[in-house]
């Protein structure tokens, strides 16, 4: 496992002011506070949580056999992986179907940037359903049976 700290991107004061639609100083607390606020505004993950990384997204898959299909697939598939689980997600219409591999019955928090958090439970084979699919970026957050905390990065569909 890599132990190097991630380097935060440098954000200029002018860029922060422009993004906020402001002019003048960075803010009432100065540039250091504005830099910290800009870096944490995206809802950074919990420091102790393991990140389940996106390892496959069908939307990024090149169309290898373009001549064989007359229309695009209506299902979008994503696979996320952590040290404890693999998480398969499929978007079908306005439904998000998920399954943990290996299967576990656990509670999953669906955290949306717009509508807050909703808790759902997986069934005995590790499947769950989110309906409707969140319209804004969301992430999934859960605890494994051995107590490890895992979450995905923000997902935009």
C-alpha atoms as a PDB file:
ATOM      1  CA  UNK A   1       0.000   0.000   0.000  1.00  0.00           C
ATOM      2  CA  UNK A   2       1.275   3.433  -0.867  1.00  0.00           C
ATOM      3  CA  UNK A   3       1.927   5.636   2.153  1.00  0.00           C
ATOM      4  CA  UNK A   4       2.772   8.828   0.292  1.00  0.00           C
ATOM      5  CA  UNK A   5       0.503  11.741   1.075  1.00  0.00           C
ATOM      6  CA  UNK A   6      -1.584  13.018  -1.817  1.00  0.00           C
ATOM      7  CA  UNK A   7      -0.623  16.450  -2.987  1.00  0.00           C
ATOM      8  CA  UNK A   8      -3.472  18.915  -2.925  1.00  0.00           C
ATOM      9  CA  UNK A   9      -3.894  21.046  -6.040  1.00  0.00           C
ATOM     10  CA  UNK A  10      -2.967  24.678  -5.609  1.00  0.00           C
ATOM     11  CA  UNK A  11      -5.936  26.957  -6.034  1.00  0.00           C
ATOM     12  CA  UNK A  12      -5.211  30.622  -6.575  1.00  0.00           C
ATOM     13  CA  UNK A  13      -7.037  33.311  -4.635  1.00  0.00           C
ATOM     14  CA  UNK A  14      -8.296  34.804  -7.888  1.00  0.00           C
ATOM     15  CA  UNK A  15      -9.747  31.428  -8.945  1.00  0.00           C
ATOM     16  CA  UNK A  16     -11.522  31.026  -5.607  1.00  0.00           C
ATOM     17  CA  UNK A  17     -12.978  34.532  -5.830  1.00  0.00           C
ATOM     18  CA  UNK A  18     -14.106  33.953  -9.400  1.00  0.00           C
ATOM     19  CA  UNK A  19     -15.769  30.650  -8.444  1.00  0.00           C
ATOM     20  CA  UNK A  20     -17.634  32.389  -5.635  1.00  0.00           C
ATOM     21  CA  UNK A  21     -18.498  35.379  -7.820  1.00  0.00           C
ATOM     22  CA  UNK A  22     -16.604  37.718  -5.514  1.00  0.00           C
ATOM     23  CA  UNK A  23     -13.981  40.369  -5.949  1.00  0.00           C
ATOM     24  CA  UNK A  24     -11.333  41.650  -3.566  1.00  0.00           C
ATOM     25  CA  UNK A  25      -9.783  39.671  -0.711  1.00  0.00           C
ATOM     26  CA  UNK A  26     -10.078  35.891  -0.360  1.00  0.00           C
ATOM     27  CA  UNK A  27     -12.409  36.107   2.574  1.00  0.00           C
ATOM     28  CA  UNK A  28     -12.881  37.455   6.078  1.00  0.00           C
ATOM     29  CA  UNK A  29     -10.331  34.995   7.496  1.00  0.00           C
ATOM     30  CA  UNK A  30      -7.688  35.466   4.782  1.00  0.00           C
ATOM     31  CA  UNK A  31      -6.176  33.269   2.095  1.00  0.00           C
ATOM     32  CA  UNK A  32      -5.199  30.323   4.322  1.00  0.00           C
ATOM     33  CA  UNK A  33      -8.789  29.849   5.437  1.00  0.00           C
ATOM     34  CA  UNK A  34     -10.066  30.200   1.869  1.00  0.00           C
ATOM     35  CA  UNK A  35      -7.567  27.594   0.651  1.00  0.00           C
ATOM     36  CA  UNK A  36      -8.693  25.148   3.348  1.00  0.00           C
ATOM     37  CA  UNK A  37     -12.362  25.798   2.552  1.00  0.00           C
ATOM     38  CA  UNK A  38     -11.812  25.307  -1.181  1.00  0.00           C
ATOM     39  CA  UNK A  39     -10.030  21.998  -0.637  1.00  0.00           C
ATOM     40  CA  UNK A  40     -12.668  20.599   1.710  1.00  0.00           C
ATOM     41  CA  UNK A  41     -15.775  21.941  -0.036  1.00  0.00           C
ATOM     42  CA  UNK A  42     -16.275  18.780  -2.078  1.00  0.00           C
ATOM     43  CA  UNK A  43     -17.135  16.695   0.983  1.00  0.00           C
ATOM     44  CA  UNK A  44     -13.887  14.813   1.492  1.00  0.00           C
ATOM     45  CA  UNK A  45     -14.145  11.261   2.747  1.00  0.00           C
ATOM     46  CA  UNK A  46     -13.725  10.271   6.382  1.00  0.00           C
ATOM     47  CA  UNK A  47     -10.047   9.998   7.281  1.00  0.00           C
ATOM     48  CA  UNK A  48     -10.415   6.475   8.690  1.00  0.00           C
ATOM     49  CA  UNK A  49     -12.530   5.072   5.868  1.00  0.00           C
ATOM     50  CA  UNK A  50     -11.115   2.791   3.222  1.00  0.00           C
ATOM     51  CA  UNK A  51     -11.876   3.972  -0.321  1.00  0.00           C
ATOM     52  CA  UNK A  52     -13.595   1.549  -2.713  1.00  0.00           C
ATOM     53  CA  UNK A  53     -12.087   2.525  -6.060  1.00  0.00           C
ATOM     54  CA  UNK A  54     -13.783   2.471  -9.435  1.00  0.00           C
ATOM     55  CA  UNK A  55     -12.131  -0.272 -11.505  1.00  0.00           C
ATOM     56  CA  UNK A  56     -14.654  -0.543 -14.358  1.00  0.00           C
ATOM     57  CA  UNK A  57     -17.228   1.768 -15.933  1.00  0.00           C
ATOM     58  CA  UNK A  58     -19.087   0.633 -19.052  1.00  0.00           C
ATOM     59  CA  UNK A  59     -19.531   4.282 -20.098  1.00  0.00           C
ATOM     60  CA  UNK A  60     -15.751   4.486 -20.576  1.00  0.00           C
ATOM     61  CA  UNK A  61     -15.546   1.222 -22.528  1.00  0.00           C
ATOM     62  CA  UNK A  62     -14.640   1.741 -26.186  1.00  0.00           C
ATOM     63  CA  UNK A  63     -17.146   0.348 -28.665  1.00  0.00           C
ATOM     64  CA  UNK A  64     -15.047  -2.528 -30.015  1.00  0.00           C
ATOM     65  CA  UNK A  65     -17.709  -4.118 -32.136  1.00  0.00           C
ATOM     66  CA  UNK A  66     -19.537  -1.016 -33.304  1.00  0.00           C
ATOM     67  CA  UNK A  67     -20.752  -2.721 -36.476  1.00  0.00           C
ATOM     68  CA  UNK A  68     -22.415  -5.560 -34.545  1.00  0.00           C
ATOM     69  CA  UNK A  69     -24.879  -3.463 -32.564  1.00  0.00           C
ATOM     70  CA  UNK A  70     -27.482  -1.129 -33.927  1.00  0.00           C
ATOM     71  CA  UNK A  71     -28.108   0.653 -30.618  1.00  0.00           C
ATOM     72  CA  UNK A  72     -26.263   1.413 -27.411  1.00  0.00           C
ATOM     73  CA  UNK A  73     -26.820  -0.773 -24.352  1.00  0.00           C
ATOM     74  CA  UNK A  74     -29.423   0.576 -21.943  1.00  0.00           C
ATOM     75  CA  UNK A  75     -27.545  -0.725 -18.891  1.00  0.00           C
ATOM     76  CA  UNK A  76     -24.586   1.054 -17.356  1.00  0.00           C
ATOM     77  CA  UNK A  77     -22.335  -1.120 -15.246  1.00  0.00           C
ATOM     78  CA  UNK A  78     -19.742  -0.048 -12.679  1.00  0.00           C
ATOM     79  CA  UNK A  79     -17.416  -2.121 -10.518  1.00  0.00           C
ATOM     80  CA  UNK A  80     -15.771  -0.782  -7.381  1.00  0.00           C
ATOM     81  CA  UNK A  81     -13.269  -2.672  -5.268  1.00  0.00           C
ATOM     82  CA  UNK A  82     -11.763  -2.435  -1.802  1.00  0.00           C
ATOM     83  CA  UNK A  83      -9.682  -4.858   0.254  1.00  0.00           C
ATOM     84  CA  UNK A  84     -12.882  -6.321   1.742  1.00  0.00           C
ATOM     85  CA  UNK A  85     -15.423  -6.288  -1.100  1.00  0.00           C
ATOM     86  CA  UNK A  86     -16.116  -5.930  -4.745  1.00  0.00           C
ATOM     87  CA  UNK A  87     -19.236  -3.896  -5.453  1.00  0.00           C
ATOM     88  CA  UNK A  88     -21.100  -4.375  -8.735  1.00  0.00           C
ATOM     89  CA  UNK A  89     -23.506  -1.574  -9.711  1.00  0.00           C
ATOM     90  CA  UNK A  90     -25.944  -1.506 -12.636  1.00  0.00           C
ATOM     91  CA  UNK A  91     -28.051   1.468 -13.664  1.00  0.00           C
ATOM     92  CA  UNK A  92     -31.232   0.368 -15.410  1.00  0.00           C
ATOM     93  CA  UNK A  93     -33.631   3.218 -16.155  1.00  0.00           C
ATOM     94  CA  UNK A  94     -34.276   5.017 -12.864  1.00  0.00           C
ATOM     95  CA  UNK A  95     -32.972   2.151 -10.690  1.00  0.00           C
ATOM     96  CA  UNK A  96     -29.535   1.494  -9.247  1.00  0.00           C
ATOM     97  CA  UNK A  97     -28.993  -2.183  -8.520  1.00  0.00           C
ATOM     98  CA  UNK A  98     -26.017  -3.182  -6.419  1.00  0.00           C
ATOM     99  CA  UNK A  99     -24.435  -6.400  -5.196  1.00  0.00           C
ATOM    100  CA  UNK A 100     -21.542  -7.001  -2.824  1.00  0.00           C
ATOM    101  CA  UNK A 101     -19.181  -9.837  -3.660  1.00  0.00           C
ATOM    102  CA  UNK A 102     -18.775 -11.834  -1.480  1.00  0.00           C
ATOM    103  CA  UNK A 103     -22.387 -11.400  -0.348  1.00  0.00           C
ATOM    104  CA  UNK A 104     -23.059  -9.885   3.069  1.00  0.00           C
ATOM    105  CA  UNK A 105     -26.170  -8.547   4.757  1.00  0.00           C
ATOM    106  CA  UNK A 106     -25.120  -5.023   5.763  1.00  0.00           C
ATOM    107  CA  UNK A 107     -26.533  -1.514   6.006  1.00  0.00           C
ATOM    108  CA  UNK A 108     -25.475   0.880   3.244  1.00  0.00           C
ATOM    109  CA  UNK A 109     -25.719   4.664   3.483  1.00  0.00           C
ATOM    110  CA  UNK A 110     -26.517   6.418   0.198  1.00  0.00           C
ATOM    111  CA  UNK A 111     -25.158   9.947   0.679  1.00  0.00           C
ATOM    112  CA  UNK A 112     -26.349  12.470  -1.894  1.00  0.00           C
ATOM    113  CA  UNK A 113     -24.924  15.978  -2.179  1.00  0.00           C
ATOM    114  CA  UNK A 114     -28.436  17.372  -2.625  1.00  0.00           C
ATOM    115  CA  UNK A 115     -30.774  15.256  -0.509  1.00  0.00           C
ATOM    116  CA  UNK A 116     -28.657  14.038   2.397  1.00  0.00           C
ATOM    117  CA  UNK A 117     -28.351  10.411   3.485  1.00  0.00           C
ATOM    118  CA  UNK A 118     -30.598   7.354   3.212  1.00  0.00           C
ATOM    119  CA  UNK A 119     -29.936   3.953   4.755  1.00  0.00           C
ATOM    120  CA  UNK A 120     -30.775   0.745   2.910  1.00  0.00           C
ATOM    121  CA  UNK A 121     -30.094  -2.918   3.713  1.00  0.00           C
ATOM    122  CA  UNK A 122     -28.688  -5.608   1.494  1.00  0.00           C
ATOM    123  CA  UNK A 123     -30.468  -8.955   1.254  1.00  0.00           C
ATOM    124  CA  UNK A 124     -28.945 -12.353   2.061  1.00  0.00           C
ATOM    125  CA  UNK A 125     -27.109 -12.493  -1.294  1.00  0.00           C
ATOM    126  CA  UNK A 126     -25.663  -8.980  -0.921  1.00  0.00           C
ATOM    127  CA  UNK A 127     -28.073  -7.177  -3.297  1.00  0.00           C
ATOM    128  CA  UNK A 128     -29.697  -3.784  -2.799  1.00  0.00           C
ATOM    129  CA  UNK A 129     -31.842  -1.369  -4.790  1.00  0.00           C
ATOM    130  CA  UNK A 130     -31.748   2.430  -4.860  1.00  0.00           C
ATOM    131  CA  UNK A 131     -34.812   3.933  -6.502  1.00  0.00           C
ATOM    132  CA  UNK A 132     -34.750   6.468  -8.045  1.00  0.00           C
ATOM    133  CA  UNK A 133     -31.104   6.910  -9.028  1.00  0.00           C
ATOM    134  CA  UNK A 134     -29.760  10.068  -7.318  1.00  0.00           C
ATOM    135  CA  UNK A 135     -29.824  12.989  -9.753  1.00  0.00           C
ATOM    136  CA  UNK A 136     -26.788  14.610  -8.111  1.00  0.00           C
ATOM    137  CA  UNK A 137     -23.386  13.131  -7.194  1.00  0.00           C
ATOM    138  CA  UNK A 138     -23.651  10.485  -4.469  1.00  0.00           C
ATOM    139  CA  UNK A 139     -21.465   8.032  -2.605  1.00  0.00           C
ATOM    140  CA  UNK A 140     -22.028   4.778  -0.780  1.00  0.00           C
ATOM    141  CA  UNK A 141     -20.777   4.239   2.769  1.00  0.00           C
ATOM    142  CA  UNK A 142     -20.861   1.033   4.817  1.00  0.00           C
ATOM    143  CA  UNK A 143     -19.209  -0.912   7.639  1.00  0.00           C
ATOM    144  CA  UNK A 144     -18.020  -4.467   7.105  1.00  0.00           C
ATOM    145  CA  UNK A 145     -18.876  -7.261   9.517  1.00  0.00           C
ATOM    146  CA  UNK A 146     -15.367  -7.039  10.983  1.00  0.00           C
ATOM    147  CA  UNK A 147     -15.832  -3.302  11.666  1.00  0.00           C
ATOM    148  CA  UNK A 148     -13.919  -1.769   8.741  1.00  0.00           C
ATOM    149  CA  UNK A 149     -15.407   1.444   7.372  1.00  0.00           C
ATOM    150  CA  UNK A 150     -15.569   1.641   3.562  1.00  0.00           C
ATOM    151  CA  UNK A 151     -16.926   4.278   1.199  1.00  0.00           C
ATOM    152  CA  UNK A 152     -16.896   5.071  -2.479  1.00  0.00           C
ATOM    153  CA  UNK A 153     -15.757   8.320  -3.981  1.00  0.00           C
ATOM    154  CA  UNK A 154     -18.491  10.627  -5.332  1.00  0.00           C
ATOM    155  CA  UNK A 155     -20.307   8.949  -8.236  1.00  0.00           C
ATOM    156  CA  UNK A 156     -22.002  10.923 -11.002  1.00  0.00           C
ATOM    157  CA  UNK A 157     -24.283   9.019 -13.385  1.00  0.00           C
END
